[in-house]
Amino acid sequence: MNRVLKAVLHPGKALEYLAEASKRRLPQPPSRIASDAKDFWSRSDASCSLRDLSHWRGEGRWSDEQAWNRIGETHFAMYEALSRLANVSRPIPSMVEWGPGGGANAVRFAREVGRLYGVDISEANLAECRRQLESQPFRGFIPILIDANQPQEALDRIAERVDFFLSTAVFQHFPSKEYGVKVTQIAYQMLKDNGIALIQTRYDDGSARLKPKDRDYARNAVTFTSYSIQEYWQIALECGFAPLAVVLDVGTRYAYYLLRRDAHV
């Protein structure tokens, strides 16, 4: 019996059905979405598809060694350009990578820094990142596992202010736009005066696929959060950063923001 006929014969049941359908479409609480995000990414060690999404060496797309290495090389080249723009001396003592995944960036930056803090909600990803770095060998990695609902924990766990903050292929997976604002504020607080940041977001191109989501994290994790280009530029400004440039990859709809924390006079 179809739903239209049910509505005629059983109006009470039809109302219950409509109420339940409406409830399923309501936004979920931010704390629930953040917890779902932690559950999702914490399964990286047990899921081939998640290891691919987390950029684990030898998994999925990254069975191509050159493709895996290209992740770090691409972002290191952007860091070099940012250093020139911001007039920063190199090499630098310390950096934070928010969401290091399988370590593709960390392996490249390990040749540049003495200490590399990796902040993540996935213990599995932090363990894989450490494994890749130790194979270099690099002994300056400090993993910081945080509660997905308490990103500010990272501030309490990192005693020093660092020279560089990096986050790529992460903001698009955040549980909300507001969460990304909070992490941008944290990035600013983590940096020394004249410290620099390279932050990549997915930019909203107006399509249904890339619009920000508010429920069903596991189904939408790949494209959960996006910002318009101007919107995130303004967020960076309001968090205290001096934005120096934005680089767009129109194929992936990635926007890379080159930011500096200016010294207070």
C-alpha atoms as a PDB file:
ATOM      1  CA  MET A   1       0.000   0.000   0.000  1.00  0.00           C
ATOM      2  CA  ASN A   2       1.520   3.324  -0.992  1.00  0.00           C
ATOM      3  CA  ARG A   3       2.037   6.255   1.401  1.00  0.00           C
ATOM      4  CA  VAL A   4      -0.654   8.414  -0.209  1.00  0.00           C
ATOM      5  CA  LEU A   5      -3.300   5.738   0.419  1.00  0.00           C
ATOM      6  CA  LYS A   6      -2.023   5.270   3.964  1.00  0.00           C
ATOM      7  CA  ALA A   7      -2.485   8.980   4.548  1.00  0.00           C
ATOM      8  CA  VAL A   8      -6.120   8.681   3.496  1.00  0.00           C
ATOM      9  CA  LEU A   9      -6.868   5.583   5.536  1.00  0.00           C
ATOM     10  CA  HIS A  10      -4.653   6.304   8.542  1.00  0.00           C
ATOM     11  CA  PRO A  11      -4.208  10.066   9.010  1.00  0.00           C
ATOM     12  CA  GLY A  12      -2.715   9.558  12.476  1.00  0.00           C
ATOM     13  CA  LYS A  13      -0.008   7.288  11.097  1.00  0.00           C
ATOM     14  CA  ALA A  14       0.629   9.690   8.247  1.00  0.00           C
ATOM     15  CA  LEU A  15       1.181  12.547  10.698  1.00  0.00           C
ATOM     16  CA  GLU A  16       3.587  10.383  12.679  1.00  0.00           C
ATOM     17  CA  TYR A  17       5.480   9.587   9.487  1.00  0.00           C
ATOM     18  CA  LEU A  18       5.712  13.254   8.499  1.00  0.00           C
ATOM     19  CA  ALA A  19       6.833  14.267  11.988  1.00  0.00           C
ATOM     20  CA  GLU A  20       9.551  11.612  11.968  1.00  0.00           C
ATOM     21  CA  ALA A  21      10.718  12.632   8.484  1.00  0.00           C
ATOM     22  CA  SER A  22      10.902  16.259   9.606  1.00  0.00           C
ATOM     23  CA  LYS A  23      12.875  15.249  12.679  1.00  0.00           C
ATOM     24  CA  ARG A  24      15.396  13.379  10.498  1.00  0.00           C
ATOM     25  CA  ARG A  25      16.071  16.575   8.550  1.00  0.00           C
ATOM     26  CA  LEU A  26      16.701  18.777  11.595  1.00  0.00           C
ATOM     27  CA  PRO A  27      20.298  19.883  12.238  1.00  0.00           C
ATOM     28  CA  GLN A  28      22.113  17.703  14.729  1.00  0.00           C
ATOM     29  CA  PRO A  29      23.725  19.244  17.825  1.00  0.00           C
ATOM     30  CA  PRO A  30      27.328  20.372  17.218  1.00  0.00           C
ATOM     31  CA  SER A  31      28.587  18.105  20.011  1.00  0.00           C
ATOM     32  CA  ARG A  32      26.977  15.081  18.330  1.00  0.00           C
ATOM     33  CA  ILE A  33      28.533  15.915  14.962  1.00  0.00           C
ATOM     34  CA  ALA A  34      31.985  16.412  16.525  1.00  0.00           C
ATOM     35  CA  SER A  35      31.703  13.058  18.299  1.00  0.00           C
ATOM     36  CA  ASP A  36      30.617  11.417  15.038  1.00  0.00           C
ATOM     37  CA  ALA A  37      33.663  12.964  13.340  1.00  0.00           C
ATOM     38  CA  LYS A  38      35.976  11.467  15.951  1.00  0.00           C
ATOM     39  CA  ASP A  39      34.344   8.045  15.555  1.00  0.00           C
ATOM     40  CA  PHE A  40      34.678   8.297  11.780  1.00  0.00           C
ATOM     41  CA  TRP A  41      38.379   9.234  11.593  1.00  0.00           C
ATOM     42  CA  SER A  42      39.388   6.980  14.481  1.00  0.00           C
ATOM     43  CA  ARG A  43      38.636   3.958  12.286  1.00  0.00           C
ATOM     44  CA  SER A  44      41.479   4.724   9.865  1.00  0.00           C
ATOM     45  CA  ASP A  45      43.511   1.705  10.930  1.00  0.00           C
ATOM     46  CA  ALA A  46      40.582  -0.626  10.155  1.00  0.00           C
ATOM     47  CA  SER A  47      39.320   0.862   6.868  1.00  0.00           C
ATOM     48  CA  CYS A  48      41.089   0.975   3.485  1.00  0.00           C
ATOM     49  CA  SER A  49      38.936   3.887   2.291  1.00  0.00           C
ATOM     50  CA  LEU A  50      39.667   5.925   5.430  1.00  0.00           C
ATOM     51  CA  ARG A  51      43.389   5.240   5.145  1.00  0.00           C
ATOM     52  CA  ASP A  52      43.176   6.614   1.606  1.00  0.00           C
ATOM     53  CA  LEU A  53      41.254   9.699   2.803  1.00  0.00           C
ATOM     54  CA  SER A  54      43.809  10.184   5.578  1.00  0.00           C
ATOM     55  CA  HIS A  55      46.728  10.022   3.117  1.00  0.00           C
ATOM     56  CA  TRP A  56      48.393   6.858   4.427  1.00  0.00           C
ATOM     57  CA  ARG A  57      51.438   5.891   2.398  1.00  0.00           C
ATOM     58  CA  GLY A  58      50.792   2.884   0.156  1.00  0.00           C
ATOM     59  CA  GLU A  59      46.991   3.006   0.551  1.00  0.00           C
ATOM     60  CA  GLY A  60      44.520   3.627  -2.278  1.00  0.00           C
ATOM     61  CA  ARG A  61      45.646   6.604  -4.353  1.00  0.00           C
ATOM     62  CA  TRP A  62      48.851   6.713  -2.331  1.00  0.00           C
ATOM     63  CA  SER A  63      50.112   3.356  -3.548  1.00  0.00           C
ATOM     64  CA  ASP A  64      51.729   5.677  -6.076  1.00  0.00           C
ATOM     65  CA  GLU A  65      54.802   6.800  -4.108  1.00  0.00           C
ATOM     66  CA  GLN A  66      55.291   9.882  -6.271  1.00  0.00           C
ATOM     67  CA  ALA A  67      51.700  11.010  -5.662  1.00  0.00           C
ATOM     68  CA  TRP A  68      52.155  10.623  -1.903  1.00  0.00           C
ATOM     69  CA  ASN A  69      55.425  12.565  -1.915  1.00  0.00           C
ATOM     70  CA  ARG A  70      53.832  15.275  -4.051  1.00  0.00           C
ATOM     71  CA  ILE A  71      51.437  16.181  -1.197  1.00  0.00           C
ATOM     72  CA  GLY A  72      54.268  17.312   1.037  1.00  0.00           C
ATOM     73  CA  GLU A  73      56.286  18.874  -1.769  1.00  0.00           C
ATOM     74  CA  THR A  74      53.315  20.969  -2.923  1.00  0.00           C
ATOM     75  CA  HIS A  75      52.635  22.339   0.530  1.00  0.00           C
ATOM     76  CA  PHE A  76      56.307  22.853   1.293  1.00  0.00           C
ATOM     77  CA  ALA A  77      56.607  25.000  -1.854  1.00  0.00           C
ATOM     78  CA  MET A  78      53.676  27.110  -0.606  1.00  0.00           C
ATOM     79  CA  TYR A  79      55.407  27.425   2.775  1.00  0.00           C
ATOM     80  CA  GLU A  80      58.566  28.640   1.015  1.00  0.00           C
ATOM     81  CA  ALA A  81      56.547  31.276  -0.859  1.00  0.00           C
ATOM     82  CA  LEU A  82      54.826  32.313   2.382  1.00  0.00           C
ATOM     83  CA  SER A  83      58.189  32.626   4.151  1.00  0.00           C
ATOM     84  CA  ARG A  84      59.408  34.987   1.440  1.00  0.00           C
ATOM     85  CA  LEU A  85      56.213  37.036   1.532  1.00  0.00           C
ATOM     86  CA  ALA A  86      56.365  37.328   5.315  1.00  0.00           C
ATOM     87  CA  ASN A  87      60.146  37.853   5.409  1.00  0.00           C
ATOM     88  CA  VAL A  88      60.634  34.888   7.755  1.00  0.00           C
ATOM     89  CA  SER A  89      64.094  33.445   8.360  1.00  0.00           C
ATOM     90  CA  ARG A  90      64.579  29.736   7.743  1.00  0.00           C
ATOM     91  CA  PRO A  91      64.870  27.022   8.883  1.00  0.00           C
ATOM     92  CA  ILE A  92      62.380  27.357  11.724  1.00  0.00           C
ATOM     93  CA  PRO A  93      62.498  25.667  15.135  1.00  0.00           C
ATOM     94  CA  SER A  94      58.901  24.532  15.508  1.00  0.00           C
ATOM     95  CA  MET A  95      55.546  24.011  13.834  1.00  0.00           C
ATOM     96  CA  VAL A  96      52.070  22.609  14.408  1.00  0.00           C
ATOM     97  CA  GLU A  97      50.251  20.538  11.831  1.00  0.00           C
ATOM     98  CA  TRP A  98      46.541  20.317  12.586  1.00  0.00           C
ATOM     99  CA  GLY A  99      45.384  16.999  11.155  1.00  0.00           C
ATOM    100  CA  PRO A 100      48.624  15.332   9.994  1.00  0.00           C
ATOM    101  CA  GLY A 101      46.833  12.199   8.792  1.00  0.00           C
ATOM    102  CA  GLY A 102      49.318   9.646   7.508  1.00  0.00           C
ATOM    103  CA  GLY A 103      52.267  12.029   7.609  1.00  0.00           C
ATOM    104  CA  ALA A 104      52.679  13.101   3.974  1.00  0.00           C
ATOM    105  CA  ASN A 105      53.279  16.730   4.967  1.00  0.00           C
ATOM    106  CA  ALA A 106      55.151  15.880   8.151  1.00  0.00           C
ATOM    107  CA  VAL A 107      57.756  13.764   6.342  1.00  0.00           C
ATOM    108  CA  ARG A 108      58.647  16.707   4.075  1.00  0.00           C
ATOM    109  CA  PHE A 109      58.632  19.328   6.823  1.00  0.00           C
ATOM    110  CA  ALA A 110      60.769  17.157   9.117  1.00  0.00           C
ATOM    111  CA  ARG A 111      63.773  18.345   7.075  1.00  0.00           C
ATOM    112  CA  GLU A 112      62.915  21.937   8.003  1.00  0.00           C
ATOM    113  CA  VAL A 113      61.977  21.943  11.689  1.00  0.00           C
ATOM    114  CA  GLY A 114      63.294  20.719  15.007  1.00  0.00           C
ATOM    115  CA  ARG A 115      59.913  20.063  16.633  1.00  0.00           C
ATOM    116  CA  LEU A 116      56.695  19.125  14.889  1.00  0.00           C
ATOM    117  CA  TYR A 117      53.468  18.960  16.901  1.00  0.00           C
ATOM    118  CA  GLY A 118      50.741  16.881  15.276  1.00  0.00           C
ATOM    119  CA  VAL A 119      47.220  17.663  16.521  1.00  0.00           C
ATOM    120  CA  ASP A 120      44.501  15.166  15.646  1.00  0.00           C
ATOM    121  CA  ILE A 121      41.272  13.573  16.870  1.00  0.00           C
ATOM    122  CA  SER A 122      42.387  10.190  15.490  1.00  0.00           C
ATOM    123  CA  GLU A 123      44.872   8.168  17.513  1.00  0.00           C
ATOM    124  CA  ALA A 124      45.304   5.842  14.523  1.00  0.00           C
ATOM    125  CA  ASN A 125      46.404   8.705  12.278  1.00  0.00           C
ATOM    126  CA  LEU A 126      48.832  10.048  14.870  1.00  0.00           C
ATOM    127  CA  ALA A 127      50.368   6.586  15.235  1.00  0.00           C
ATOM    128  CA  GLU A 128      50.803   6.268  11.452  1.00  0.00           C
ATOM    129  CA  CYS A 129      52.305   9.752  11.204  1.00  0.00           C
ATOM    130  CA  ARG A 130      54.779   8.876  13.967  1.00  0.00           C
ATOM    131  CA  ARG A 131      55.685   5.630  12.179  1.00  0.00           C
ATOM    132  CA  GLN A 132      56.457   7.466   8.944  1.00  0.00           C
ATOM    133  CA  LEU A 133      58.564  10.086  10.717  1.00  0.00           C
ATOM    134  CA  GLU A 134      60.544   7.554  12.717  1.00  0.00           C
ATOM    135  CA  SER A 135      61.415   5.777   9.479  1.00  0.00           C
ATOM    136  CA  GLN A 136      63.225   8.946   8.275  1.00  0.00           C
ATOM    137  CA  PRO A 137      64.474   9.030  11.097  1.00  0.00           C
ATOM    138  CA  PHE A 138      62.990  12.090  12.823  1.00  0.00           C
ATOM    139  CA  ARG A 139      62.680  12.250  16.603  1.00  0.00           C
ATOM    140  CA  GLY A 140      61.087  15.672  17.023  1.00  0.00           C
ATOM    141  CA  PHE A 141      57.453  14.610  16.594  1.00  0.00           C
ATOM    142  CA  ILE A 142      55.067  15.348  19.472  1.00  0.00           C
ATOM    143  CA  PRO A 143      51.584  13.828  18.944  1.00  0.00           C
ATOM    144  CA  ILE A 144      48.675  15.722  20.523  1.00  0.00           C
ATOM    145  CA  LEU A 145      45.444  13.700  20.691  1.00  0.00           C
ATOM    146  CA  ILE A 146      42.478  15.960  21.442  1.00  0.00           C
ATOM    147  CA  ASP A 147      38.806  15.522  22.223  1.00  0.00           C
ATOM    148  CA  ALA A 148      36.894  16.483  19.071  1.00  0.00           C
ATOM    149  CA  ASN A 149      34.581  18.596  21.217  1.00  0.00           C
ATOM    150  CA  GLN A 150      37.490  20.387  22.912  1.00  0.00           C
ATOM    151  CA  PRO A 151      39.950  21.595  20.247  1.00  0.00           C
ATOM    152  CA  GLN A 152      41.289  24.203  22.674  1.00  0.00           C
ATOM    153  CA  GLU A 153      42.941  21.325  24.571  1.00  0.00           C
ATOM    154  CA  ALA A 154      45.800  21.696  22.099  1.00  0.00           C
ATOM    155  CA  LEU A 155      46.680  25.083  23.593  1.00  0.00           C
ATOM    156  CA  ASP A 156      47.110  23.504  27.018  1.00  0.00           C
ATOM    157  CA  ARG A 157      49.215  20.656  25.644  1.00  0.00           C
ATOM    158  CA  ILE A 158      51.726  22.739  23.660  1.00  0.00           C
ATOM    159  CA  ALA A 159      53.821  24.803  26.047  1.00  0.00           C
ATOM    160  CA  GLU A 160      55.648  26.926  23.477  1.00  0.00           C
ATOM    161  CA  ARG A 161      54.435  29.319  20.835  1.00  0.00           C
ATOM    162  CA  VAL A 162      55.474  28.023  17.437  1.00  0.00           C
ATOM    163  CA  ASP A 163      56.810  29.520  14.214  1.00  0.00           C
ATOM    164  CA  PHE A 164      54.460  27.914  11.707  1.00  0.00           C
ATOM    165  CA  PHE A 165      50.926  26.484  11.661  1.00  0.00           C
ATOM    166  CA  LEU A 166      49.861  24.145   8.855  1.00  0.00           C
ATOM    167  CA  SER A 167      46.492  22.596   8.089  1.00  0.00           C
ATOM    168  CA  THR A 168      45.633  21.114   4.702  1.00  0.00           C
ATOM    169  CA  ALA A 169      42.764  18.802   3.671  1.00  0.00           C
ATOM    170  CA  VAL A 170      41.281  19.136   7.158  1.00  0.00           C
ATOM    171  CA  PHE A 171      38.981  22.179   7.410  1.00  0.00           C
ATOM    172  CA  GLN A 172      36.638  20.632   4.829  1.00  0.00           C
ATOM    173  CA  HIS A 173      36.088  17.734   7.251  1.00  0.00           C
ATOM    174  CA  PHE A 174      35.370  19.884  10.308  1.00  0.00           C
ATOM    175  CA  PRO A 175      31.963  19.400  11.974  1.00  0.00           C
ATOM    176  CA  SER A 176      30.880  22.997  11.278  1.00  0.00           C
ATOM    177  CA  LYS A 177      31.990  26.376   9.983  1.00  0.00           C
ATOM    178  CA  GLU A 178      32.046  27.609  13.585  1.00  0.00           C
ATOM    179  CA  TYR A 179      34.474  24.824  14.464  1.00  0.00           C
ATOM    180  CA  GLY A 180      36.802  26.084  11.743  1.00  0.00           C
ATOM    181  CA  VAL A 181      36.592  29.602  13.173  1.00  0.00           C
ATOM    182  CA  LYS A 182      37.566  28.220  16.587  1.00  0.00           C
ATOM    183  CA  VAL A 183      40.571  26.369  15.152  1.00  0.00           C
ATOM    184  CA  THR A 184      41.653  29.524  13.301  1.00  0.00           C
ATOM    185  CA  GLN A 185      41.545  31.405  16.611  1.00  0.00           C
ATOM    186  CA  ILE A 186      43.593  28.633  18.217  1.00  0.00           C
ATOM    187  CA  ALA A 187      46.126  28.783  15.372  1.00  0.00           C
ATOM    188  CA  TYR A 188      46.580  32.501  15.985  1.00  0.00           C
ATOM    189  CA  GLN A 189      47.111  31.910  19.699  1.00  0.00           C
ATOM    190  CA  MET A 190      49.656  29.160  19.034  1.00  0.00           C
ATOM    191  CA  LEU A 191      51.910  31.333  16.907  1.00  0.00           C
ATOM    192  CA  LYS A 192      54.756  33.607  17.906  1.00  0.00           C
ATOM    193  CA  ASP A 193      54.623  37.222  16.804  1.00  0.00           C
ATOM    194  CA  ASN A 194      55.515  37.236  13.100  1.00  0.00           C
ATOM    195  CA  GLY A 195      54.649  33.542  12.956  1.00  0.00           C
ATOM    196  CA  ILE A 196      53.028  32.278   9.775  1.00  0.00           C
ATOM    197  CA  ALA A 197      50.174  29.946   8.866  1.00  0.00           C
ATOM    198  CA  LEU A 198      49.124  28.032   5.758  1.00  0.00           C
ATOM    199  CA  ILE A 199      45.469  27.014   6.049  1.00  0.00           C
ATOM    200  CA  GLN A 200      43.489  25.335   3.283  1.00  0.00           C
ATOM    201  CA  THR A 201      39.700  25.249   3.149  1.00  0.00           C
ATOM    202  CA  ARG A 202      37.225  23.963   0.587  1.00  0.00           C
ATOM    203  CA  TYR A 203      35.536  26.955  -1.006  1.00  0.00           C
ATOM    204  CA  ASP A 204      31.798  27.051  -1.552  1.00  0.00           C
ATOM    205  CA  ASP A 205      31.113  27.182  -5.291  1.00  0.00           C
ATOM    206  CA  GLY A 206      27.329  27.367  -4.894  1.00  0.00           C
ATOM    207  CA  SER A 207      26.761  23.704  -5.712  1.00  0.00           C
ATOM    208  CA  ALA A 208      24.628  21.438  -3.542  1.00  0.00           C
ATOM    209  CA  ARG A 209      27.559  19.044  -3.181  1.00  0.00           C
ATOM    210  CA  LEU A 210      29.856  21.593  -1.545  1.00  0.00           C
ATOM    211  CA  LYS A 211      27.387  23.510   0.564  1.00  0.00           C
ATOM    212  CA  PRO A 212      28.046  23.191   4.327  1.00  0.00           C
ATOM    213  CA  LYS A 213      26.242  20.308   6.017  1.00  0.00           C
ATOM    214  CA  ASP A 214      24.626  20.083   9.457  1.00  0.00           C
ATOM    215  CA  ARG A 215      23.946  16.374  10.002  1.00  0.00           C
ATOM    216  CA  ASP A 216      24.834  12.799   8.981  1.00  0.00           C
ATOM    217  CA  TYR A 217      28.588  13.245   9.329  1.00  0.00           C
ATOM    218  CA  ALA A 218      29.705   9.841   8.075  1.00  0.00           C
ATOM    219  CA  ARG A 219      27.678  10.240   4.869  1.00  0.00           C
ATOM    220  CA  ASN A 220      28.977  13.763   4.208  1.00  0.00           C
ATOM    221  CA  ALA A 221      32.470  13.772   5.754  1.00  0.00           C
ATOM    222  CA  VAL A 222      34.357  14.489   2.527  1.00  0.00           C
ATOM    223  CA  THR A 223      32.479  17.727   1.828  1.00  0.00           C
ATOM    224  CA  PHE A 224      31.065  18.611   5.240  1.00  0.00           C
ATOM    225  CA  THR A 225      32.278  22.202   5.593  1.00  0.00           C
ATOM    226  CA  SER A 226      33.091  24.987   3.150  1.00  0.00           C
ATOM    227  CA  TYR A 227      33.444  28.770   3.124  1.00  0.00           C
ATOM    228  CA  SER A 228      33.226  31.377   0.423  1.00  0.00           C
ATOM    229  CA  ILE A 229      36.690  32.749  -0.371  1.00  0.00           C
ATOM    230  CA  GLN A 230      35.865  36.203   0.955  1.00  0.00           C
ATOM    231  CA  GLU A 231      34.211  34.705   4.034  1.00  0.00           C
ATOM    232  CA  TYR A 232      37.271  32.826   5.250  1.00  0.00           C
ATOM    233  CA  TRP A 233      39.568  35.757   4.407  1.00  0.00           C
ATOM    234  CA  GLN A 234      37.389  37.865   6.722  1.00  0.00           C
ATOM    235  CA  ILE A 235      37.439  35.152   9.404  1.00  0.00           C
ATOM    236  CA  ALA A 236      41.252  35.180   9.338  1.00  0.00           C
ATOM    237  CA  LEU A 237      41.240  38.969   9.684  1.00  0.00           C
ATOM    238  CA  GLU A 238      38.823  38.879  12.605  1.00  0.00           C
ATOM    239  CA  CYS A 239      40.966  36.243  14.344  1.00  0.00           C
ATOM    240  CA  GLY A 240      43.897  38.680  14.189  1.00  0.00           C
ATOM    241  CA  PHE A 241      45.803  37.436  11.154  1.00  0.00           C
ATOM    242  CA  ALA A 242      47.202  39.561   8.366  1.00  0.00           C
ATOM    243  CA  PRO A 243      46.216  37.628   5.206  1.00  0.00           C
ATOM    244  CA  LEU A 244      48.992  37.951   2.628  1.00  0.00           C
ATOM    245  CA  ALA A 245      47.562  35.940  -0.281  1.00  0.00           C
ATOM    246  CA  VAL A 246      45.101  33.236  -1.286  1.00  0.00           C
ATOM    247  CA  VAL A 247      45.899  30.522  -3.835  1.00  0.00           C
ATOM    248  CA  LEU A 248      43.025  28.683  -5.529  1.00  0.00           C
ATOM    249  CA  ASP A 249      42.918  25.184  -6.972  1.00  0.00           C
ATOM    250  CA  VAL A 250      39.764  25.305  -9.080  1.00  0.00           C
ATOM    251  CA  GLY A 251      39.842  21.573  -9.766  1.00  0.00           C
ATOM    252  CA  THR A 252      39.443  20.584  -6.103  1.00  0.00           C
ATOM    253  CA  ARG A 253      37.830  23.870  -4.970  1.00  0.00           C
ATOM    254  CA  TYR A 254      40.679  24.272  -2.491  1.00  0.00           C
ATOM    255  CA  ALA A 255      41.623  27.725  -1.218  1.00  0.00           C
ATOM    256  CA  TYR A 256      45.033  28.099   0.448  1.00  0.00           C
ATOM    257  CA  TYR A 257      45.367  31.120   2.747  1.00  0.00           C
ATOM    258  CA  LEU A 258      48.844  32.490   3.428  1.00  0.00           C
ATOM    259  CA  LEU A 259      48.649  34.232   6.801  1.00  0.00           C
ATOM    260  CA  ARG A 260      50.928  36.058   9.232  1.00  0.00           C
ATOM    261  CA  ARG A 261      50.513  36.938  12.888  1.00  0.00           C
ATOM    262  CA  ASP A 262      51.941  40.449  13.023  1.00  0.00           C
ATOM    263  CA  ALA A 263      53.953  41.578  16.033  1.00  0.00           C
ATOM    264  CA  HIS A 264      52.013  43.778  18.449  1.00  0.00           C
ATOM    265  CA  VAL A 265      53.525  47.245  18.757  1.00  0.00           C
END
